[in-house]
Amino acid sequence: MEFIKQQEVYSQIVQKAWEDSEFKRELMNNPVAVMERVGGEKVVLPEGKKLVVVDQSDESTIYFNIPRQVDLDSLELTEEQLEQVAGGITPTFIAFGYGFVCGVGLFGAAAAGAAVMKS
């Protein structure tokens, strides 16, 4: 599935989960089937991997995600990733990806919110 379509499917799933508690429950219990149904394509996970959906919609909670540790020495980049590295994106960014950047942003926002609350 191409990146743009992935983003569209992700947006549809999140929006529907916000609006429909039964859909959210189904998504959390069987994420692959739901994503295949919404996206119209088979979801193929790497051997030995599972997909876990975590509900982080509780506004009274700040969530902190610990990503898996990546062995950068054994990391193999695709041609597209090699081009990105040549263009200035570091392999660490590629390894940790979007989730890490969002986590840092959320952590910073949470810290800023805590600082405002102390004032």
PDB file of N, CA and C in Angstrom:
ATOM      1  N   MET A   1       0.856  -1.169   0.000  1.00  0.00           N
ATOM      2  CA  MET A   1       0.000   0.000   0.000  1.00  0.00           C
ATOM      3  C   MET A   1       0.906   1.237   0.000  1.00  0.00           C
ATOM      4  N   GLU A   2       0.638   2.140  -0.898  1.00  0.00           N
ATOM      5  CA  GLU A   2       1.464   3.350  -0.982  1.00  0.00           C
ATOM      6  C   GLU A   2       1.229   4.244   0.236  1.00  0.00           C
ATOM      7  N   PHE A   3       2.225   5.087   0.510  1.00  0.00           N
ATOM      8  CA  PHE A   3       2.226   5.898   1.730  1.00  0.00           C
ATOM      9  C   PHE A   3       0.985   6.785   1.842  1.00  0.00           C
ATOM     10  N   ILE A   4       0.608   7.474   0.772  1.00  0.00           N
ATOM     11  CA  ILE A   4      -0.549   8.379   0.815  1.00  0.00           C
ATOM     12  C   ILE A   4      -1.818   7.601   1.154  1.00  0.00           C
ATOM     13  N   LYS A   5      -2.002   6.441   0.538  1.00  0.00           N
ATOM     14  CA  LYS A   5      -3.186   5.635   0.828  1.00  0.00           C
ATOM     15  C   LYS A   5      -3.149   5.148   2.275  1.00  0.00           C
ATOM     16  N   GLN A   6      -1.958   4.777   2.776  1.00  0.00           N
ATOM     17  CA  GLN A   6      -1.830   4.358   4.165  1.00  0.00           C
ATOM     18  C   GLN A   6      -2.299   5.469   5.103  1.00  0.00           C
ATOM     19  N   GLN A   7      -1.898   6.696   4.809  1.00  0.00           N
ATOM     20  CA  GLN A   7      -2.294   7.824   5.638  1.00  0.00           C
ATOM     21  C   GLN A   7      -3.808   8.042   5.591  1.00  0.00           C
ATOM     22  N   GLU A   8      -4.403   7.894   4.424  1.00  0.00           N
ATOM     23  CA  GLU A   8      -5.849   8.057   4.287  1.00  0.00           C
ATOM     24  C   GLU A   8      -6.593   6.980   5.070  1.00  0.00           C
ATOM     25  N   VAL A   9      -6.128   5.729   4.953  1.00  0.00           N
ATOM     26  CA  VAL A   9      -6.761   4.625   5.683  1.00  0.00           C
ATOM     27  C   VAL A   9      -6.601   4.834   7.181  1.00  0.00           C
ATOM     28  N   TYR A  10      -5.413   5.223   7.603  1.00  0.00           N
ATOM     29  CA  TYR A  10      -5.156   5.499   9.026  1.00  0.00           C
ATOM     30  C   TYR A  10      -6.132   6.562   9.526  1.00  0.00           C
ATOM     31  N   SER A  11      -6.288   7.638   8.775  1.00  0.00           N
ATOM     32  CA  SER A  11      -7.199   8.726   9.176  1.00  0.00           C
ATOM     33  C   SER A  11      -8.633   8.228   9.283  1.00  0.00           C
ATOM     34  N   GLN A  12      -9.065   7.413   8.323  1.00  0.00           N
ATOM     35  CA  GLN A  12     -10.425   6.870   8.350  1.00  0.00           C
ATOM     36  C   GLN A  12     -10.640   5.990   9.577  1.00  0.00           C
ATOM     37  N   ILE A  13      -9.654   5.153   9.876  1.00  0.00           N
ATOM     38  CA  ILE A  13      -9.769   4.247  11.015  1.00  0.00           C
ATOM     39  C   ILE A  13      -9.827   5.021  12.323  1.00  0.00           C
ATOM     40  N   VAL A  14      -8.948   5.988  12.487  1.00  0.00           N
ATOM     41  CA  VAL A  14      -8.924   6.773  13.722  1.00  0.00           C
ATOM     42  C   VAL A  14     -10.232   7.536  13.889  1.00  0.00           C
ATOM     43  N   GLN A  15     -10.701   8.188  12.835  1.00  0.00           N
ATOM     44  CA  GLN A  15     -11.941   8.956  12.909  1.00  0.00           C
ATOM     45  C   GLN A  15     -13.113   8.066  13.299  1.00  0.00           C
ATOM     46  N   LYS A  16     -13.199   6.894  12.663  1.00  0.00           N
ATOM     47  CA  LYS A  16     -14.312   5.994  12.972  1.00  0.00           C
ATOM     48  C   LYS A  16     -14.198   5.450  14.399  1.00  0.00           C
ATOM     49  N   ALA A  17     -12.971   5.180  14.868  1.00  0.00           N
ATOM     50  CA  ALA A  17     -12.782   4.699  16.239  1.00  0.00           C
ATOM     51  C   ALA A  17     -13.200   5.762  17.252  1.00  0.00           C
ATOM     52  N   TRP A  18     -12.965   7.019  16.937  1.00  0.00           N
ATOM     53  CA  TRP A  18     -13.397   8.104  17.822  1.00  0.00           C
ATOM     54  C   TRP A  18     -14.919   8.183  17.904  1.00  0.00           C
ATOM     55  N   GLU A  19     -15.567   7.912  16.785  1.00  0.00           N
ATOM     56  CA  GLU A  19     -17.017   8.092  16.685  1.00  0.00           C
ATOM     57  C   GLU A  19     -17.828   6.860  17.055  1.00  0.00           C
ATOM     58  N   ASP A  20     -17.243   5.663  16.938  1.00  0.00           N
ATOM     59  CA  ASP A  20     -18.001   4.417  17.062  1.00  0.00           C
ATOM     60  C   ASP A  20     -17.282   3.467  18.026  1.00  0.00           C
ATOM     61  N   SER A  21     -17.821   3.336  19.241  1.00  0.00           N
ATOM     62  CA  SER A  21     -17.153   2.521  20.262  1.00  0.00           C
ATOM     63  C   SER A  21     -17.110   1.043  19.879  1.00  0.00           C
ATOM     64  N   GLU A  22     -18.121   0.555  19.181  1.00  0.00           N
ATOM     65  CA  GLU A  22     -18.112  -0.848  18.737  1.00  0.00           C
ATOM     66  C   GLU A  22     -16.995  -1.079  17.710  1.00  0.00           C
ATOM     67  N   PHE A  23     -16.821  -0.144  16.789  1.00  0.00           N
ATOM     68  CA  PHE A  23     -15.731  -0.237  15.808  1.00  0.00           C
ATOM     69  C   PHE A  23     -14.381  -0.216  16.522  1.00  0.00           C
ATOM     70  N   LYS A  24     -14.234   0.676  17.518  1.00  0.00           N
ATOM     71  CA  LYS A  24     -12.974   0.764  18.268  1.00  0.00           C
ATOM     72  C   LYS A  24     -12.684  -0.558  18.974  1.00  0.00           C
ATOM     73  N   ARG A  25     -13.695  -1.144  19.575  1.00  0.00           N
ATOM     74  CA  ARG A  25     -13.527  -2.427  20.262  1.00  0.00           C
ATOM     75  C   ARG A  25     -13.084  -3.505  19.271  1.00  0.00           C
ATOM     76  N   GLU A  26     -13.735  -3.537  18.118  1.00  0.00           N
ATOM     77  CA  GLU A  26     -13.376  -4.513  17.081  1.00  0.00           C
ATOM     78  C   GLU A  26     -11.942  -4.278  16.585  1.00  0.00           C
ATOM     79  N   LEU A  27     -11.574  -3.024  16.396  1.00  0.00           N
ATOM     80  CA  LEU A  27     -10.226  -2.668  15.953  1.00  0.00           C
ATOM     81  C   LEU A  27      -9.182  -3.139  16.962  1.00  0.00           C
ATOM     82  N   MET A  28      -9.458  -2.954  18.230  1.00  0.00           N
ATOM     83  CA  MET A  28      -8.502  -3.354  19.264  1.00  0.00           C
ATOM     84  C   MET A  28      -8.408  -4.875  19.385  1.00  0.00           C
ATOM     85  N   ASN A  29      -9.517  -5.569  19.149  1.00  0.00           N
ATOM     86  CA  ASN A  29      -9.532  -7.031  19.260  1.00  0.00           C
ATOM     87  C   ASN A  29      -8.995  -7.736  18.024  1.00  0.00           C
ATOM     88  N   ASN A  30      -9.177  -7.148  16.842  1.00  0.00           N
ATOM     89  CA  ASN A  30      -8.755  -7.793  15.600  1.00  0.00           C
ATOM     90  C   ASN A  30      -8.293  -6.736  14.600  1.00  0.00           C
ATOM     91  N   PRO A  31      -7.159  -6.076  14.876  1.00  0.00           N
ATOM     92  CA  PRO A  31      -6.733  -4.938  14.053  1.00  0.00           C
ATOM     93  C   PRO A  31      -6.443  -5.280  12.599  1.00  0.00           C
ATOM     94  N   VAL A  32      -5.880  -6.434  12.340  1.00  0.00           N
ATOM     95  CA  VAL A  32      -5.538  -6.783  10.952  1.00  0.00           C
ATOM     96  C   VAL A  32      -6.797  -6.899  10.103  1.00  0.00           C
ATOM     97  N   ALA A  33      -7.801  -7.609  10.608  1.00  0.00           N
ATOM     98  CA  ALA A  33      -9.046  -7.784   9.843  1.00  0.00           C
ATOM     99  C   ALA A  33      -9.730  -6.448   9.582  1.00  0.00           C
ATOM    100  N   VAL A  34      -9.763  -5.584  10.589  1.00  0.00           N
ATOM    101  CA  VAL A  34     -10.411  -4.277  10.431  1.00  0.00           C
ATOM    102  C   VAL A  34      -9.645  -3.440   9.405  1.00  0.00           C
ATOM    103  N   MET A  35      -8.325  -3.407   9.510  1.00  0.00           N
ATOM    104  CA  MET A  35      -7.526  -2.617   8.564  1.00  0.00           C
ATOM    105  C   MET A  35      -7.644  -3.149   7.145  1.00  0.00           C
ATOM    106  N   GLU A  36      -7.730  -4.461   6.997  1.00  0.00           N
ATOM    107  CA  GLU A  36      -7.916  -5.033   5.663  1.00  0.00           C
ATOM    108  C   GLU A  36      -9.274  -4.638   5.097  1.00  0.00           C
ATOM    109  N   ARG A  37     -10.299  -4.676   5.958  1.00  0.00           N
ATOM    110  CA  ARG A  37     -11.642  -4.318   5.504  1.00  0.00           C
ATOM    111  C   ARG A  37     -11.715  -2.849   5.106  1.00  0.00           C
ATOM    112  N   VAL A  38     -11.179  -1.971   5.927  1.00  0.00           N
ATOM    113  CA  VAL A  38     -11.237  -0.534   5.644  1.00  0.00           C
ATOM    114  C   VAL A  38     -10.328  -0.166   4.473  1.00  0.00           C
ATOM    115  N   GLY A  39      -9.128  -0.732   4.450  1.00  0.00           N
ATOM    116  CA  GLY A  39      -8.153  -0.391   3.413  1.00  0.00           C
ATOM    117  C   GLY A  39      -8.346  -1.114   2.103  1.00  0.00           C
ATOM    118  N   GLY A  40      -9.098  -2.220   2.136  1.00  0.00           N
ATOM    119  CA  GLY A  40      -9.356  -2.963   0.911  1.00  0.00           C
ATOM    120  C   GLY A  40      -8.155  -3.747   0.402  1.00  0.00           C
ATOM    121  N   GLU A  41      -7.134  -3.898   1.237  1.00  0.00           N
ATOM    122  CA  GLU A  41      -5.939  -4.652   0.844  1.00  0.00           C
ATOM    123  C   GLU A  41      -5.497  -5.529   1.998  1.00  0.00           C
ATOM    124  N   LYS A  42      -4.822  -6.619   1.658  1.00  0.00           N
ATOM    125  CA  LYS A  42      -4.302  -7.533   2.670  1.00  0.00           C
ATOM    126  C   LYS A  42      -3.177  -6.857   3.448  1.00  0.00           C
ATOM    127  N   VAL A  43      -3.205  -7.009   4.751  1.00  0.00           N
ATOM    128  CA  VAL A  43      -2.144  -6.504   5.615  1.00  0.00           C
ATOM    129  C   VAL A  43      -1.173  -7.654   5.853  1.00  0.00           C
ATOM    130  N   VAL A  44       0.083  -7.445   5.473  1.00  0.00           N
ATOM    131  CA  VAL A  44       1.099  -8.477   5.638  1.00  0.00           C
ATOM    132  C   VAL A  44       2.098  -8.001   6.683  1.00  0.00           C
ATOM    133  N   LEU A  45       2.147  -8.716   7.781  1.00  0.00           N
ATOM    134  CA  LEU A  45       3.087  -8.391   8.846  1.00  0.00           C
ATOM    135  C   LEU A  45       4.350  -9.230   8.679  1.00  0.00           C
ATOM    136  N   PRO A  46       5.494  -8.701   9.068  1.00  0.00           N
ATOM    137  CA  PRO A  46       6.719  -9.497   9.016  1.00  0.00           C
ATOM    138  C   PRO A  46       6.583 -10.745   9.887  1.00  0.00           C
ATOM    139  N   GLU A  47       7.289 -11.790   9.514  1.00  0.00           N
ATOM    140  CA  GLU A  47       7.273 -13.059  10.246  1.00  0.00           C
ATOM    141  C   GLU A  47       7.522 -12.823  11.737  1.00  0.00           C
ATOM    142  N   GLY A  48       6.656 -13.393  12.562  1.00  0.00           N
ATOM    143  CA  GLY A  48       6.826 -13.306  14.002  1.00  0.00           C
ATOM    144  C   GLY A  48       6.356 -12.001  14.628  1.00  0.00           C
ATOM    145  N   LYS A  49       5.757 -11.114  13.846  1.00  0.00           N
ATOM    146  CA  LYS A  49       5.298  -9.816  14.366  1.00  0.00           C
ATOM    147  C   LYS A  49       3.786  -9.827  14.528  1.00  0.00           C
ATOM    148  N   LYS A  50       3.299  -9.034  15.471  1.00  0.00           N
ATOM    149  CA  LYS A  50       1.860  -8.863  15.659  1.00  0.00           C
ATOM    150  C   LYS A  50       1.550  -7.378  15.664  1.00  0.00           C
ATOM    151  N   LEU A  51       0.314  -7.051  15.407  1.00  0.00           N
ATOM    152  CA  LEU A  51      -0.140  -5.666  15.393  1.00  0.00           C
ATOM    153  C   LEU A  51      -0.998  -5.440  16.632  1.00  0.00           C
ATOM    154  N   VAL A  52      -0.641  -4.439  17.412  1.00  0.00           N
ATOM    155  CA  VAL A  52      -1.367  -4.120  18.638  1.00  0.00           C
ATOM    156  C   VAL A  52      -1.908  -2.700  18.511  1.00  0.00           C
ATOM    157  N   VAL A  53      -3.183  -2.528  18.783  1.00  0.00           N
ATOM    158  CA  VAL A  53      -3.805  -1.206  18.790  1.00  0.00           C
ATOM    159  C   VAL A  53      -4.061  -0.844  20.248  1.00  0.00           C
ATOM    160  N   VAL A  54      -3.577   0.320  20.644  1.00  0.00           N
ATOM    161  CA  VAL A  54      -3.737   0.799  22.020  1.00  0.00           C
ATOM    162  C   VAL A  54      -4.586   2.064  21.989  1.00  0.00           C
ATOM    163  N   ASP A  55      -5.617   2.085  22.791  1.00  0.00           N
ATOM    164  CA  ASP A  55      -6.489   3.252  22.879  1.00  0.00           C
ATOM    165  C   ASP A  55      -5.820   4.312  23.749  1.00  0.00           C
ATOM    166  N   GLN A  56      -5.413   5.398  23.131  1.00  0.00           N
ATOM    167  CA  GLN A  56      -4.769   6.495  23.852  1.00  0.00           C
ATOM    168  C   GLN A  56      -5.640   7.748  23.819  1.00  0.00           C
ATOM    169  N   SER A  57      -6.944   7.550  23.864  1.00  0.00           N
ATOM    170  CA  SER A  57      -7.858   8.685  23.731  1.00  0.00           C
ATOM    171  C   SER A  57      -8.262   9.303  25.067  1.00  0.00           C
ATOM    172  N   ASP A  58      -7.803   8.747  26.171  1.00  0.00           N
ATOM    173  CA  ASP A  58      -8.131   9.301  27.480  1.00  0.00           C
ATOM    174  C   ASP A  58      -7.382  10.618  27.661  1.00  0.00           C
ATOM    175  N   GLU A  59      -8.124  11.727  27.676  1.00  0.00           N
ATOM    176  CA  GLU A  59      -7.510  13.057  27.736  1.00  0.00           C
ATOM    177  C   GLU A  59      -6.845  13.352  29.080  1.00  0.00           C
ATOM    178  N   SER A  60      -7.147  12.557  30.106  1.00  0.00           N
ATOM    179  CA  SER A  60      -6.543  12.800  31.414  1.00  0.00           C
ATOM    180  C   SER A  60      -5.210  12.063  31.575  1.00  0.00           C
ATOM    181  N   THR A  61      -4.780  11.373  30.535  1.00  0.00           N
ATOM    182  CA  THR A  61      -3.557  10.582  30.592  1.00  0.00           C
ATOM    183  C   THR A  61      -2.580  11.040  29.532  1.00  0.00           C
ATOM    184  N   ILE A  62      -1.302  11.126  29.913  1.00  0.00           N
ATOM    185  CA  ILE A  62      -0.231  11.387  28.947  1.00  0.00           C
ATOM    186  C   ILE A  62       0.463  10.059  28.700  1.00  0.00           C
ATOM    187  N   TYR A  63       0.543   9.663  27.459  1.00  0.00           N
ATOM    188  CA  TYR A  63       1.110   8.370  27.096  1.00  0.00           C
ATOM    189  C   TYR A  63       2.556   8.526  26.660  1.00  0.00           C
ATOM    190  N   PHE A  64       3.370   7.584  27.066  1.00  0.00           N
ATOM    191  CA  PHE A  64       4.786   7.560  26.697  1.00  0.00           C
ATOM    192  C   PHE A  64       5.069   6.191  26.090  1.00  0.00           C
ATOM    193  N   ASN A  65       5.524   6.170  24.849  1.00  0.00           N
ATOM    194  CA  ASN A  65       5.781   4.931  24.131  1.00  0.00           C
ATOM    195  C   ASN A  65       7.270   4.625  24.132  1.00  0.00           C
ATOM    196  N   ILE A  66       7.634   3.420  24.535  1.00  0.00           N
ATOM    197  CA  ILE A  66       9.029   2.984  24.467  1.00  0.00           C
ATOM    198  C   ILE A  66       9.175   2.151  23.200  1.00  0.00           C
ATOM    199  N   PRO A  67       9.854   2.691  22.180  1.00  0.00           N
ATOM    200  CA  PRO A  67      10.003   1.933  20.923  1.00  0.00           C
ATOM    201  C   PRO A  67      11.015   0.810  21.092  1.00  0.00           C
ATOM    202  N   ARG A  68      10.968  -0.127  20.177  1.00  0.00           N
ATOM    203  CA  ARG A  68      11.945  -1.211  20.213  1.00  0.00           C
ATOM    204  C   ARG A  68      13.325  -0.644  19.927  1.00  0.00           C
ATOM    205  N   GLN A  69      14.337  -1.294  20.435  1.00  0.00           N
ATOM    206  CA  GLN A  69      15.712  -0.866  20.195  1.00  0.00           C
ATOM    207  C   GLN A  69      16.135  -1.365  18.824  1.00  0.00           C
ATOM    208  N   VAL A  70      16.718  -0.494  18.028  1.00  0.00           N
ATOM    209  CA  VAL A  70      17.128  -0.829  16.676  1.00  0.00           C
ATOM    210  C   VAL A  70      18.642  -0.976  16.632  1.00  0.00           C
ATOM    211  N   ASP A  71      19.112  -2.069  16.037  1.00  0.00           N
ATOM    212  CA  ASP A  71      20.543  -2.288  15.844  1.00  0.00           C
ATOM    213  C   ASP A  71      20.943  -1.571  14.553  1.00  0.00           C
ATOM    214  N   LEU A  72      21.470  -0.357  14.677  1.00  0.00           N
ATOM    215  CA  LEU A  72      21.808   0.448  13.501  1.00  0.00           C
ATOM    216  C   LEU A  72      22.922  -0.170  12.668  1.00  0.00           C
ATOM    217  N   ASP A  73      23.761  -1.024  13.285  1.00  0.00           N
ATOM    218  CA  ASP A  73      24.845  -1.658  12.536  1.00  0.00           C
ATOM    219  C   ASP A  73      24.328  -2.683  11.533  1.00  0.00           C
ATOM    220  N   SER A  74      23.182  -3.289  11.824  1.00  0.00           N
ATOM    221  CA  SER A  74      22.648  -4.298  10.911  1.00  0.00           C
ATOM    222  C   SER A  74      21.489  -3.758  10.067  1.00  0.00           C
ATOM    223  N   LEU A  75      21.246  -2.477  10.156  1.00  0.00           N
ATOM    224  CA  LEU A  75      20.152  -1.859   9.424  1.00  0.00           C
ATOM    225  C   LEU A  75      20.480  -1.792   7.939  1.00  0.00           C
ATOM    226  N   GLU A  76      19.592  -2.331   7.120  1.00  0.00           N
ATOM    227  CA  GLU A  76      19.760  -2.255   5.670  1.00  0.00           C
ATOM    228  C   GLU A  76      18.730  -1.277   5.116  1.00  0.00           C
ATOM    229  N   LEU A  77      19.211  -0.317   4.342  1.00  0.00           N
ATOM    230  CA  LEU A  77      18.337   0.709   3.790  1.00  0.00           C
ATOM    231  C   LEU A  77      17.920   0.352   2.377  1.00  0.00           C
ATOM    232  N   THR A  78      16.686   0.730   2.027  1.00  0.00           N
ATOM    233  CA  THR A  78      16.212   0.566   0.656  1.00  0.00           C
ATOM    234  C   THR A  78      16.849   1.651  -0.208  1.00  0.00           C
ATOM    235  N   GLU A  79      16.675   1.542  -1.512  1.00  0.00           N
ATOM    236  CA  GLU A  79      17.189   2.571  -2.417  1.00  0.00           C
ATOM    237  C   GLU A  79      16.591   3.934  -2.081  1.00  0.00           C
ATOM    238  N   GLU A  80      15.297   3.963  -1.801  1.00  0.00           N
ATOM    239  CA  GLU A  80      14.627   5.224  -1.466  1.00  0.00           C
ATOM    240  C   GLU A  80      15.219   5.827  -0.184  1.00  0.00           C
ATOM    241  N   GLN A  81      15.454   4.986   0.813  1.00  0.00           N
ATOM    242  CA  GLN A  81      16.028   5.472   2.061  1.00  0.00           C
ATOM    243  C   GLN A  81      17.454   5.963   1.856  1.00  0.00           C
ATOM    244  N   LEU A  82      18.223   5.270   1.009  1.00  0.00           N
ATOM    245  CA  LEU A  82      19.586   5.714   0.706  1.00  0.00           C
ATOM    246  C   LEU A  82      19.563   7.102   0.068  1.00  0.00           C
ATOM    247  N   GLU A  83      18.606   7.331  -0.822  1.00  0.00           N
ATOM    248  CA  GLU A  83      18.476   8.649  -1.449  1.00  0.00           C
ATOM    249  C   GLU A  83      18.139   9.708  -0.401  1.00  0.00           C
ATOM    250  N   GLN A  84      17.274   9.348   0.567  1.00  0.00           N
ATOM    251  CA  GLN A  84      16.921  10.292   1.616  1.00  0.00           C
ATOM    252  C   GLN A  84      18.132  10.623   2.480  1.00  0.00           C
ATOM    253  N   VAL A  85      18.937   9.603   2.782  1.00  0.00           N
ATOM    254  CA  VAL A  85      20.141   9.828   3.578  1.00  0.00           C
ATOM    255  C   VAL A  85      21.077  10.762   2.830  1.00  0.00           C
ATOM    256  N   ALA A  86      21.227  10.529   1.533  1.00  0.00           N
ATOM    257  CA  ALA A  86      22.090  11.390   0.712  1.00  0.00           C
ATOM    258  C   ALA A  86      21.543  12.821   0.688  1.00  0.00           C
ATOM    259  N   GLY A  87      20.231  12.954   0.879  1.00  0.00           N
ATOM    260  CA  GLY A  87      19.593  14.272   0.881  1.00  0.00           C
ATOM    261  C   GLY A  87      19.581  14.930   2.251  1.00  0.00           C
ATOM    262  N   GLY A  88      20.134  14.260   3.265  1.00  0.00           N
ATOM    263  CA  GLY A  88      20.252  14.904   4.573  1.00  0.00           C
ATOM    264  C   GLY A  88      19.468  14.283   5.706  1.00  0.00           C
ATOM    265  N   ILE A  89      18.706  13.215   5.468  1.00  0.00           N
ATOM    266  CA  ILE A  89      17.986  12.554   6.555  1.00  0.00           C
ATOM    267  C   ILE A  89      18.897  11.475   7.121  1.00  0.00           C
ATOM    268  N   THR A  90      19.040  11.424   8.432  1.00  0.00           N
ATOM    269  CA  THR A  90      19.955  10.465   9.040  1.00  0.00           C
ATOM    270  C   THR A  90      19.316   9.086   9.155  1.00  0.00           C
ATOM    271  N   PRO A  91      20.123   8.010   9.160  1.00  0.00           N
ATOM    272  CA  PRO A  91      19.568   6.663   9.318  1.00  0.00           C
ATOM    273  C   PRO A  91      18.822   6.492  10.638  1.00  0.00           C
ATOM    274  N   THR A  92      19.211   7.222  11.664  1.00  0.00           N
ATOM    275  CA  THR A  92      18.515   7.125  12.942  1.00  0.00           C
ATOM    276  C   THR A  92      17.070   7.563  12.779  1.00  0.00           C
ATOM    277  N   PHE A  93      16.857   8.640  12.019  1.00  0.00           N
ATOM    278  CA  PHE A  93      15.492   9.105  11.776  1.00  0.00           C
ATOM    279  C   PHE A  93      14.697   8.029  11.053  1.00  0.00           C
ATOM    280  N   ILE A  94      15.308   7.416  10.054  1.00  0.00           N
ATOM    281  CA  ILE A  94      14.622   6.382   9.293  1.00  0.00           C
ATOM    282  C   ILE A  94      14.316   5.195  10.199  1.00  0.00           C
ATOM    283  N   ALA A  95      15.267   4.818  11.056  1.00  0.00           N
ATOM    284  CA  ALA A  95      15.084   3.658  11.926  1.00  0.00           C
ATOM    285  C   ALA A  95      13.959   3.869  12.922  1.00  0.00           C
ATOM    286  N   PHE A  96      13.905   5.026  13.539  1.00  0.00           N
ATOM    287  CA  PHE A  96      12.884   5.276  14.541  1.00  0.00           C
ATOM    288  C   PHE A  96      11.585   5.754  13.923  1.00  0.00           C
ATOM    289  N   GLY A  97      11.688   6.437  12.808  1.00  0.00           N
ATOM    290  CA  GLY A  97      10.522   6.834  12.045  1.00  0.00           C
ATOM    291  C   GLY A  97       9.617   7.840  12.719  1.00  0.00           C
ATOM    292  N   TYR A  98       8.458   7.939  12.159  1.00  0.00           N
ATOM    293  CA  TYR A  98       7.469   8.931  12.532  1.00  0.00           C
ATOM    294  C   TYR A  98       7.050   8.824  13.993  1.00  0.00           C
ATOM    295  N   GLY A  99       6.882   7.600  14.491  1.00  0.00           N
ATOM    296  CA  GLY A  99       6.430   7.414  15.865  1.00  0.00           C
ATOM    297  C   GLY A  99       7.360   8.043  16.869  1.00  0.00           C
ATOM    298  N   PHE A 100       8.668   7.925  16.656  1.00  0.00           N
ATOM    299  CA  PHE A 100       9.647   8.508  17.566  1.00  0.00           C
ATOM    300  C   PHE A 100       9.530  10.025  17.557  1.00  0.00           C
ATOM    301  N   VAL A 101       9.421  10.603  16.374  1.00  0.00           N
ATOM    302  CA  VAL A 101       9.317  12.058  16.264  1.00  0.00           C
ATOM    303  C   VAL A 101       8.052  12.539  16.960  1.00  0.00           C
ATOM    304  N   CYS A 102       6.937  11.838  16.735  1.00  0.00           N
ATOM    305  CA  CYS A 102       5.690  12.225  17.400  1.00  0.00           C
ATOM    306  C   CYS A 102       5.814  12.068  18.902  1.00  0.00           C
ATOM    307  N   GLY A 103       6.461  10.988  19.345  1.00  0.00           N
ATOM    308  CA  GLY A 103       6.650  10.772  20.777  1.00  0.00           C
ATOM    309  C   GLY A 103       7.437  11.901  21.405  1.00  0.00           C
ATOM    310  N   VAL A 104       8.490  12.339  20.742  1.00  0.00           N
ATOM    311  CA  VAL A 104       9.290  13.451  21.254  1.00  0.00           C
ATOM    312  C   VAL A 104       8.440  14.709  21.297  1.00  0.00           C
ATOM    313  N   GLY A 105       7.654  14.942  20.243  1.00  0.00           N
ATOM    314  CA  GLY A 105       6.784  16.115  20.204  1.00  0.00           C
ATOM    315  C   GLY A 105       5.747  16.086  21.314  1.00  0.00           C
ATOM    316  N   LEU A 106       5.142  14.912  21.535  1.00  0.00           N
ATOM    317  CA  LEU A 106       4.154  14.790  22.597  1.00  0.00           C
ATOM    318  C   LEU A 106       4.789  14.942  23.969  1.00  0.00           C
ATOM    319  N   PHE A 107       5.991  14.372  24.134  1.00  0.00           N
ATOM    320  CA  PHE A 107       6.693  14.490  25.402  1.00  0.00           C
ATOM    321  C   PHE A 107       7.005  15.963  25.672  1.00  0.00           C
ATOM    322  N   GLY A 108       7.467  16.671  24.642  1.00  0.00           N
ATOM    323  CA  GLY A 108       7.757  18.104  24.786  1.00  0.00           C
ATOM    324  C   GLY A 108       6.504  18.888  25.116  1.00  0.00           C
ATOM    325  N   ALA A 109       5.402  18.534  24.463  1.00  0.00           N
ATOM    326  CA  ALA A 109       4.143  19.226  24.722  1.00  0.00           C
ATOM    327  C   ALA A 109       3.662  18.943  26.138  1.00  0.00           C
ATOM    328  N   ALA A 110       3.840  17.698  26.570  1.00  0.00           N
ATOM    329  CA  ALA A 110       3.433  17.341  27.932  1.00  0.00           C
ATOM    330  C   ALA A 110       4.288  18.096  28.952  1.00  0.00           C
ATOM    331  N   ALA A 111       5.579  18.178  28.683  1.00  0.00           N
ATOM    332  CA  ALA A 111       6.472  18.904  29.595  1.00  0.00           C
ATOM    333  C   ALA A 111       6.103  20.377  29.644  1.00  0.00           C
ATOM    334  N   ALA A 112       5.784  20.942  28.486  1.00  0.00           N
ATOM    335  CA  ALA A 112       5.373  22.348  28.442  1.00  0.00           C
ATOM    336  C   ALA A 112       4.072  22.549  29.208  1.00  0.00           C
ATOM    337  N   GLY A 113       3.140  21.603  29.050  1.00  0.00           N
ATOM    338  CA  GLY A 113       1.881  21.685  29.771  1.00  0.00           C
ATOM    339  C   GLY A 113       2.091  21.606  31.273  1.00  0.00           C
ATOM    340  N   ALA A 114       3.016  20.726  31.687  1.00  0.00           N
ATOM    341  CA  ALA A 114       3.313  20.592  33.115  1.00  0.00           C
ATOM    342  C   ALA A 114       3.935  21.877  33.644  1.00  0.00           C
ATOM    343  N   ALA A 115       4.793  22.516  32.835  1.00  0.00           N
ATOM    344  CA  ALA A 115       5.419  23.768  33.249  1.00  0.00           C
ATOM    345  C   ALA A 115       4.380  24.866  33.403  1.00  0.00           C
ATOM    346  N   VAL A 116       3.407  24.898  32.484  1.00  0.00           N
ATOM    347  CA  VAL A 116       2.350  25.911  32.559  1.00  0.00           C
ATOM    348  C   VAL A 116       1.502  25.678  33.797  1.00  0.00           C
ATOM    349  N   MET A 117       1.220  24.406  34.115  1.00  0.00           N
ATOM    350  CA  MET A 117       0.403  24.096  35.275  1.00  0.00           C
ATOM    351  C   MET A 117       1.101  24.497  36.568  1.00  0.00           C
ATOM    352  N   LYS A 118       2.443  24.426  36.612  1.00  0.00           N
ATOM    353  CA  LYS A 118       3.188  24.812  37.803  1.00  0.00           C
ATOM    354  C   LYS A 118       3.143  26.315  38.022  1.00  0.00           C
ATOM    355  N   SER A 119       3.041  27.084  36.921  1.00  0.00           N
ATOM    356  CA  SER A 119       3.067  28.558  37.009  1.00  0.00           C
ATOM    357  C   SER A 119       1.857  29.110  37.703  1.00  0.00           C
TER     358      SER A 119
END
